[in-house]
Amino acid sequence: MNSVNLSRRSFSGRFTALFSAAGLSLPALATRAEGKSKAAKDLRKLNSDGKPADGKQMITPIVVHKGLIYVAGQGAHDTAAPEQFEIGRHTTIVMDNVKKLVEAGGGTVDSILQLTVFLADIKHYDGMNQVFKNYFPNGGPARTTVAVAALPGNSLVEINCIAAVSK
């Protein structure tokens, strides 16, 4: 019986020493757990209608965290034949979707802080800009535009963004 108590005491002492050596204490662990709980409350995953996502999507369209709205990449998902694709039309579809998702997350087009634009071909740069500038009459956000080898979803352009919650 004494050897069992000694082993438990020994284990308890070593366990406490291990946490102490790592700079942790049981109250600190409790505080960290509370912090994780608060962080989970600060994180909202929303569907494309701005309602809580059901967790079954592989990609969540809107994530709101600490006053920022993250919008997943939006493509045109055109059902026409590829030879009928037109950059102005695709940019309008994509920017309308981005605007809708930012608003569903609690922001506005003017609260968009940063966009990343992916073009299927750099030759579409000017055509995309012709439509893009109409969405930002008060000045546009920070933006990066890159041409890529290909885009999914039958689209000449894909755009993701980060916006501030403004509502």
Protein backbone atom coordinates (compact mmCIF):
# COMPACT_ATOMS: atom_id res chain seq x y z
CA MET A 1 0.00 0.00 0.00
CA ASN A 2 2.79 2.42 0.83
CA SER A 3 4.43 1.83 -2.56
CA VAL A 4 1.15 2.79 -4.32
CA ASN A 5 0.85 6.02 -2.29
CA LEU A 6 4.50 6.76 -2.86
CA SER A 7 4.06 6.25 -6.61
CA ARG A 8 1.02 8.53 -6.67
CA ARG A 9 2.85 11.16 -4.67
CA SER A 10 5.88 10.78 -6.86
CA PHE A 11 3.80 11.08 -10.00
CA SER A 12 1.91 14.08 -8.64
CA GLY A 13 5.16 15.79 -7.66
CA ARG A 14 6.75 15.13 -11.05
CA PHE A 15 3.59 16.25 -12.86
CA THR A 16 3.49 19.52 -10.88
CA ALA A 17 7.22 20.06 -11.45
CA LEU A 18 6.77 19.50 -15.17
CA PHE A 19 4.06 22.17 -15.43
CA SER A 20 6.02 24.50 -13.20
CA ALA A 21 9.13 24.07 -15.38
CA ALA A 22 7.02 24.90 -18.42
CA GLY A 23 5.83 28.06 -16.68
CA LEU A 24 2.29 26.79 -16.26
CA SER A 25 0.04 26.48 -13.27
CA LEU A 26 -3.45 25.12 -12.99
CA PRO A 27 -4.97 28.64 -12.78
CA ALA A 28 -3.04 29.59 -15.94
CA LEU A 29 -4.42 26.55 -17.73
CA ALA A 30 -7.94 27.53 -16.69
CA THR A 31 -7.38 31.07 -18.01
CA ARG A 32 -6.14 29.71 -21.33
CA ALA A 33 -9.21 27.49 -21.62
CA GLU A 34 -11.44 30.52 -20.97
CA GLY A 35 -9.50 32.44 -23.63
CA LYS A 36 -10.13 29.68 -26.16
CA SER A 37 -13.82 29.75 -25.31
CA LYS A 38 -13.94 33.53 -25.83
CA ALA A 39 -12.05 33.19 -29.13
CA ALA A 40 -14.62 30.66 -30.31
CA LYS A 41 -17.37 33.19 -29.52
CA ASP A 42 -15.48 35.87 -31.50
CA LEU A 43 -15.41 33.58 -34.55
CA ARG A 44 -18.52 33.30 -36.70
CA LYS A 45 -18.72 31.12 -39.80
CA LEU A 46 -21.60 32.14 -42.04
CA ASN A 47 -23.23 30.75 -45.15
CA SER A 48 -23.82 32.88 -48.24
CA ASP A 49 -27.04 34.26 -46.68
CA GLY A 50 -25.22 35.47 -43.57
CA LYS A 51 -26.73 32.76 -41.37
CA PRO A 52 -24.58 30.44 -39.24
CA ALA A 53 -22.91 27.81 -41.42
CA ASP A 54 -23.93 24.25 -40.69
CA GLY A 55 -20.33 23.03 -40.70
CA LYS A 56 -20.87 20.69 -43.65
CA GLN A 57 -19.30 22.97 -46.26
CA MET A 58 -15.74 22.31 -47.33
CA ILE A 59 -15.28 26.07 -47.73
CA THR A 60 -17.13 28.62 -45.62
CA PRO A 61 -18.09 31.66 -47.73
CA ILE A 62 -17.90 34.18 -44.86
CA VAL A 63 -15.84 34.13 -41.67
CA VAL A 64 -16.17 37.01 -39.20
CA HIS A 65 -13.45 37.30 -36.57
CA LYS A 66 -12.48 40.22 -34.31
CA GLY A 67 -14.21 42.86 -36.41
CA LEU A 68 -13.00 41.56 -39.77
CA ILE A 69 -14.95 39.80 -42.51
CA TYR A 70 -13.08 37.24 -44.61
CA VAL A 71 -14.80 36.38 -47.89
CA ALA A 72 -13.73 33.19 -49.69
CA GLY A 73 -12.77 33.40 -53.35
CA GLN A 74 -15.74 34.07 -55.61
CA GLY A 75 -15.85 32.94 -59.23
CA ALA A 76 -18.39 33.46 -62.01
CA HIS A 77 -19.38 29.77 -62.36
CA ASP A 78 -20.45 30.43 -65.95
CA THR A 79 -22.50 27.70 -67.64
CA ALA A 80 -21.92 29.08 -71.16
CA ALA A 81 -19.37 27.65 -73.55
CA PRO A 82 -15.84 28.92 -72.74
CA GLU A 83 -15.59 30.76 -76.07
CA GLN A 84 -18.54 32.90 -74.91
CA PHE A 85 -16.88 33.96 -71.63
CA GLU A 86 -16.49 37.72 -71.30
CA ILE A 87 -14.37 39.40 -68.60
CA GLY A 88 -16.77 42.30 -68.01
CA ARG A 89 -19.68 39.95 -67.36
CA HIS A 90 -17.58 37.67 -65.15
CA THR A 91 -16.23 40.60 -63.12
CA THR A 92 -19.76 41.91 -62.57
CA ILE A 93 -20.98 38.50 -61.37
CA VAL A 94 -17.99 38.11 -59.04
CA MET A 95 -18.11 41.64 -57.61
CA ASP A 96 -21.88 41.37 -57.04
CA ASN A 97 -21.21 38.16 -55.07
CA VAL A 98 -18.38 39.76 -53.09
CA LYS A 99 -20.58 42.75 -52.27
CA LYS A 100 -23.45 40.48 -51.17
CA LEU A 101 -21.18 38.40 -48.91
CA VAL A 102 -19.49 41.43 -47.33
CA GLU A 103 -22.92 42.90 -46.56
CA ALA A 104 -24.10 39.55 -45.15
CA GLY A 105 -21.06 39.61 -42.84
CA GLY A 106 -21.88 43.10 -41.58
CA GLY A 107 -19.82 45.33 -43.84
CA THR A 108 -20.18 47.48 -46.92
CA VAL A 109 -18.22 47.84 -50.14
CA ASP A 110 -16.58 50.91 -48.59
CA SER A 111 -15.42 48.81 -45.62
CA ILE A 112 -13.46 46.42 -47.86
CA LEU A 113 -9.83 46.72 -46.80
CA GLN A 114 -8.10 44.38 -49.21
CA LEU A 115 -8.93 42.30 -52.28
CA THR A 116 -6.96 39.69 -54.17
CA VAL A 117 -7.91 39.32 -57.82
CA PHE A 118 -6.94 36.20 -59.76
CA LEU A 119 -7.18 36.42 -63.55
CA ALA A 120 -7.19 33.41 -65.86
CA ASP A 121 -5.12 35.52 -68.26
CA ILE A 122 -3.37 38.86 -67.76
CA LYS A 123 -4.95 40.11 -71.00
CA HIS A 124 -8.18 40.50 -68.96
CA TYR A 125 -6.60 43.10 -66.64
CA ASP A 126 -7.99 46.21 -68.36
CA GLY A 127 -11.45 44.70 -68.88
CA MET A 128 -11.63 43.67 -65.24
CA ASN A 129 -10.58 47.18 -64.14
CA GLN A 130 -13.31 48.79 -66.27
CA VAL A 131 -15.96 47.01 -64.19
CA PHE A 132 -14.05 46.94 -60.89
CA LYS A 133 -13.74 50.73 -60.59
CA ASN A 134 -17.55 51.12 -60.69
CA TYR A 135 -17.83 49.34 -57.33
CA PHE A 136 -15.54 51.84 -55.57
CA PRO A 137 -16.66 55.41 -56.34
CA ASN A 138 -15.11 56.56 -53.02
CA GLY A 139 -11.73 55.02 -53.80
CA GLY A 140 -10.76 51.39 -53.84
CA PRO A 141 -9.14 49.22 -51.20
CA ALA A 142 -5.66 47.77 -51.23
CA ARG A 143 -5.55 45.20 -54.03
CA THR A 144 -3.30 42.56 -55.49
CA THR A 145 -3.95 41.22 -58.98
CA VAL A 146 -2.22 38.16 -60.36
CA ALA A 147 -2.62 36.04 -63.46
CA VAL A 148 -2.79 32.31 -62.78
CA ALA A 149 -2.58 29.21 -64.95
CA ALA A 150 -6.25 28.32 -64.44
CA LEU A 151 -9.26 29.02 -62.24
CA PRO A 152 -11.93 26.58 -61.07
CA GLY A 153 -15.61 27.13 -61.70
CA ASN A 154 -15.63 28.28 -65.33
CA SER A 155 -14.47 31.78 -64.49
CA LEU A 156 -12.07 34.29 -66.01
CA VAL A 157 -11.70 36.02 -62.62
CA GLU A 158 -11.83 35.05 -58.94
CA ILE A 159 -11.78 37.53 -56.07
CA ASN A 160 -11.47 37.14 -52.31
CA CYS A 161 -11.39 39.93 -49.76
CA ILE A 162 -11.07 41.14 -46.21
CA ALA A 163 -13.47 43.84 -44.96
CA ALA A 164 -14.14 45.56 -41.65
CA VAL A 165 -17.45 45.04 -39.86
CA SER A 166 -19.24 48.37 -40.13
CA LYS A 167 -22.81 47.61 -39.08
